[in-house]
C-alpha atoms as a PDB file:
ATOM      1  CA  HIS A   1      -1.434  20.001  -0.800  1.00  0.00           C
ATOM      2  CA  VAL A   2      -0.816  16.423  -1.582  1.00  0.00           C
ATOM      3  CA  GLN A   3      -3.913  14.129  -1.418  1.00  0.00           C
ATOM      4  CA  LEU A   4      -3.797  10.254  -1.575  1.00  0.00           C
ATOM      5  CA  VAL A   5      -7.226   8.549  -2.134  1.00  0.00           C
ATOM      6  CA  GLU A   6      -7.567   4.760  -1.960  1.00  0.00           C
ATOM      7  CA  SER A   7     -10.205   2.644  -3.561  1.00  0.00           C
ATOM      8  CA  GLY A   8     -10.933  -1.043  -4.350  1.00  0.00           C
ATOM      9  CA  GLY A   9     -11.252  -2.608  -1.011  1.00  0.00           C
ATOM     10  CA  GLY A  10     -14.358  -4.923  -0.302  1.00  0.00           C
ATOM     11  CA  SER A  11     -15.310  -8.387   1.032  1.00  0.00           C
ATOM     12  CA  VAL A  12     -13.891 -11.485  -0.668  1.00  0.00           C
ATOM     13  CA  GLN A  13     -13.601 -15.240   0.182  1.00  0.00           C
ATOM     14  CA  ALA A  14     -10.399 -16.761   1.012  1.00  0.00           C
ATOM     15  CA  GLY A  15      -8.334 -17.607  -2.022  1.00  0.00           C
ATOM     16  CA  GLY A  16      -9.948 -14.659  -3.931  1.00  0.00           C
ATOM     17  CA  ALA A  17      -8.177 -11.492  -5.285  1.00  0.00           C
ATOM     18  CA  LEU A  18      -8.645  -7.692  -5.054  1.00  0.00           C
ATOM     19  CA  ARG A  19      -6.960  -4.763  -6.522  1.00  0.00           C
ATOM     20  CA  LEU A  20      -6.350  -1.646  -4.525  1.00  0.00           C
ATOM     21  CA  SER A  21      -5.734   1.718  -6.154  1.00  0.00           C
ATOM     22  CA  CYS A  22      -4.272   4.891  -4.812  1.00  0.00           C
ATOM     23  CA  THR A  23      -4.656   8.098  -6.767  1.00  0.00           C
ATOM     24  CA  ALA A  24      -2.343  11.076  -5.919  1.00  0.00           C
ATOM     25  CA  SER A  25      -3.092  14.635  -6.447  1.00  0.00           C
ATOM     26  CA  GLY A  26      -1.282  17.929  -5.790  1.00  0.00           C
ATOM     27  CA  PRO A  27       2.210  19.288  -6.299  1.00  0.00           C
ATOM     28  CA  ASP A  28       5.318  17.403  -6.375  1.00  0.00           C
ATOM     29  CA  LEU A  29       4.150  13.812  -6.798  1.00  0.00           C
ATOM     30  CA  ASN A  30       7.470  12.195  -7.757  1.00  0.00           C
ATOM     31  CA  PHE A  31       7.910  10.793  -4.393  1.00  0.00           C
ATOM     32  CA  ALA A  32      11.098   8.748  -3.688  1.00  0.00           C
ATOM     33  CA  CYS A  33       9.005   6.158  -2.113  1.00  0.00           C
ATOM     34  CA  MET A  34       5.333   5.086  -2.071  1.00  0.00           C
ATOM     35  CA  GLY A  35       3.916   2.168  -0.088  1.00  0.00           C
ATOM     36  CA  TRP A  36       0.957   0.156   1.166  1.00  0.00           C
ATOM     37  CA  PHE A  37       0.287  -0.211   4.880  1.00  0.00           C
ATOM     38  CA  ARG A  38      -2.399  -2.168   6.677  1.00  0.00           C
ATOM     39  CA  GLN A  39      -3.774  -2.132  10.345  1.00  0.00           C
ATOM     40  CA  ALA A  40      -6.007  -4.792  11.716  1.00  0.00           C
ATOM     41  CA  PRO A  41      -8.224  -4.011  14.819  1.00  0.00           C
ATOM     42  CA  ALA A  42      -5.957  -3.812  17.846  1.00  0.00           C
ATOM     43  CA  LYS A  43      -2.905  -4.234  16.019  1.00  0.00           C
ATOM     44  CA  GLU A  44      -0.239  -1.726  14.918  1.00  0.00           C
ATOM     45  CA  ARG A  45      -0.010  -0.392  11.377  1.00  0.00           C
ATOM     46  CA  GLU A  46       2.388  -2.500   9.434  1.00  0.00           C
ATOM     47  CA  VAL A  47       4.083  -2.291   5.932  1.00  0.00           C
ATOM     48  CA  VAL A  48       2.759  -4.393   3.118  1.00  0.00           C
ATOM     49  CA  ALA A  49       4.788  -3.389   0.088  1.00  0.00           C
ATOM     50  CA  VAL A  50       6.842  -0.473  -1.076  1.00  0.00           C
ATOM     51  CA  ILE A  51       7.911   0.919  -4.489  1.00  0.00           C
ATOM     52  CA  ALA A  52      10.653   3.388  -5.329  1.00  0.00           C
ATOM     53  CA  ARG A  53      10.660   6.166  -7.849  1.00  0.00           C
ATOM     54  CA  ILE A  54      12.773   4.007 -10.035  1.00  0.00           C
ATOM     55  CA  GLY A  55      10.252   1.026  -9.642  1.00  0.00           C
ATOM     56  CA  THR A  56      12.185  -1.307  -7.414  1.00  0.00           C
ATOM     57  CA  THR A  57       9.785  -3.091  -5.045  1.00  0.00           C
ATOM     58  CA  ALA A  58       9.918  -4.799  -1.687  1.00  0.00           C
ATOM     59  CA  TYR A  59       7.359  -6.777   0.416  1.00  0.00           C
ATOM     60  CA  ALA A  60       6.524  -7.944   3.833  1.00  0.00           C
ATOM     61  CA  ASP A  61       7.347 -11.508   4.242  1.00  0.00           C
ATOM     62  CA  SER A  62       3.592 -12.325   4.992  1.00  0.00           C
ATOM     63  CA  VAL A  63       2.591 -11.233   1.418  1.00  0.00           C
ATOM     64  CA  LYS A  64       5.519 -12.224  -0.705  1.00  0.00           C
ATOM     65  CA  GLY A  65       4.468 -14.140  -3.699  1.00  0.00           C
ATOM     66  CA  ARG A  66       0.778 -13.124  -3.202  1.00  0.00           C
ATOM     67  CA  PHE A  67       0.806  -9.393  -3.557  1.00  0.00           C
ATOM     68  CA  THR A  68       2.255  -7.041  -6.285  1.00  0.00           C
ATOM     69  CA  VAL A  69       2.718  -3.466  -6.023  1.00  0.00           C
ATOM     70  CA  SER A  70       3.087  -1.193  -9.072  1.00  0.00           C
ATOM     71  CA  LYS A  71       2.482   2.277 -10.090  1.00  0.00           C
ATOM     72  CA  ASP A  72       1.441   4.293 -13.305  1.00  0.00           C
ATOM     73  CA  ASN A  73       3.274   7.640 -13.185  1.00  0.00           C
ATOM     74  CA  VAL A  74       1.111   9.035 -15.994  1.00  0.00           C
ATOM     75  CA  LYS A  75      -2.056   8.459 -14.008  1.00  0.00           C
ATOM     76  CA  ASN A  76      -0.442   9.199 -10.646  1.00  0.00           C
ATOM     77  CA  THR A  77      -1.734   6.053  -9.320  1.00  0.00           C
ATOM     78  CA  LEU A  78      -0.486   3.268  -7.125  1.00  0.00           C
ATOM     79  CA  TYR A  79      -1.738  -0.218  -7.229  1.00  0.00           C
ATOM     80  CA  LEU A  80      -1.870  -3.211  -4.990  1.00  0.00           C
ATOM     81  CA  GLN A  81      -2.782  -6.558  -6.576  1.00  0.00           C
ATOM     82  CA  MET A  82      -3.692  -9.032  -3.834  1.00  0.00           C
ATOM     83  CA  ASP A  83      -3.980 -12.713  -4.950  1.00  0.00           C
ATOM     84  CA  SER A  84      -4.664 -15.843  -2.832  1.00  0.00           C
ATOM     85  CA  LEU A  85      -6.139 -13.728   0.007  1.00  0.00           C
ATOM     86  CA  LYS A  86      -6.231 -15.079   3.544  1.00  0.00           C
ATOM     87  CA  PRO A  87      -8.516 -14.268   6.430  1.00  0.00           C
ATOM     88  CA  GLU A  88      -5.432 -12.656   8.146  1.00  0.00           C
ATOM     89  CA  ASP A  89      -5.103 -10.140   5.330  1.00  0.00           C
ATOM     90  CA  THR A  90      -8.321  -8.563   6.773  1.00  0.00           C
ATOM     91  CA  ALA A  91      -7.441  -5.036   7.607  1.00  0.00           C
ATOM     92  CA  MET A  92      -7.787  -1.415   6.712  1.00  0.00           C
ATOM     93  CA  TYR A  93      -5.233  -0.757   3.937  1.00  0.00           C
ATOM     94  CA  TYR A  94      -3.600   2.484   3.531  1.00  0.00           C
ATOM     95  CA  CYS A  95      -1.303   4.149   0.858  1.00  0.00           C
ATOM     96  CA  ALA A  96       1.378   6.356   1.771  1.00  0.00           C
ATOM     97  CA  ALA A  97       4.355   8.417   0.259  1.00  0.00           C
ATOM     98  CA  ASP A  98       7.275  10.407   1.280  1.00  0.00           C
ATOM     99  CA  GLU A  99      10.959  11.265   0.418  1.00  0.00           C
ATOM    100  CA  ILE A 100      12.509   8.205   2.020  1.00  0.00           C
ATOM    101  CA  HIS A 101      14.768   5.386   1.139  1.00  0.00           C
ATOM    102  CA  CYS A 102      12.790   2.471   0.020  1.00  0.00           C
ATOM    103  CA  GLU A 103      15.550   0.025   0.229  1.00  0.00           C
ATOM    104  CA  GLU A 104      16.143   0.612   3.914  1.00  0.00           C
ATOM    105  CA  ARG A 105      13.820  -1.490   5.907  1.00  0.00           C
ATOM    106  CA  ASP A 106      14.170   0.837   8.935  1.00  0.00           C
ATOM    107  CA  SER A 107      12.517   3.543   6.799  1.00  0.00           C
ATOM    108  CA  TRP A 108       9.510   1.465   6.573  1.00  0.00           C
ATOM    109  CA  ASN A 109       8.278   2.393  10.083  1.00  0.00           C
ATOM    110  CA  PRO A 110       4.974   4.233   9.575  1.00  0.00           C
ATOM    111  CA  ARG A 111       6.221   7.156  11.705  1.00  0.00           C
ATOM    112  CA  ASN A 112       8.521   8.096   8.873  1.00  0.00           C
ATOM    113  CA  TRP A 113       5.784   8.614   6.311  1.00  0.00           C
ATOM    114  CA  GLY A 114       4.274  11.979   5.980  1.00  0.00           C
ATOM    115  CA  TYR A 115       1.450  11.626   3.453  1.00  0.00           C
ATOM    116  CA  TRP A 116      -1.351   9.283   4.171  1.00  0.00           C
ATOM    117  CA  GLY A 117      -4.786   8.259   2.407  1.00  0.00           C
ATOM    118  CA  GLN A 118      -7.965   7.695   4.336  1.00  0.00           C
ATOM    119  CA  GLY A 119      -7.816   3.944   3.991  1.00  0.00           C
ATOM    120  CA  THR A 120      -9.748   1.388   2.307  1.00  0.00           C
ATOM    121  CA  GLN A 121     -11.228  -1.908   4.002  1.00  0.00           C
ATOM    122  CA  VAL A 122     -10.408  -5.378   3.044  1.00  0.00           C
ATOM    123  CA  THR A 123     -12.230  -8.086   4.608  1.00  0.00           C
ATOM    124  CA  VAL A 124     -11.413 -11.863   3.855  1.00  0.00           C
ATOM    125  CA  SER A 125     -13.745 -14.605   5.060  1.00  0.00           C
END
């Protein structure tokens, strides 16, 4: 079965940077769409960034210009480079994957995604 494992979280001061990684294993990893989500305490899980099989990307307005999503198909790894971090970026970050249309914002609802990692904590102070 498919497994997604995140790493790279940690604590950083405002203005700093972190790079998250998500390594996929298992059969049929060529997903139509992969993405990063985050969930802060007492808040709903929200999309951060998505990347389609062909490499096109899209971002939540709150992270545009600061975060960059990318993937290495050889290593089966998804990345999220986070720069100029703010305290409001503090959350548990999850990677996700599924056969959905990345270009349709309605598909970004977390309920549409079937494969999830366990999450990695990011704390910005």
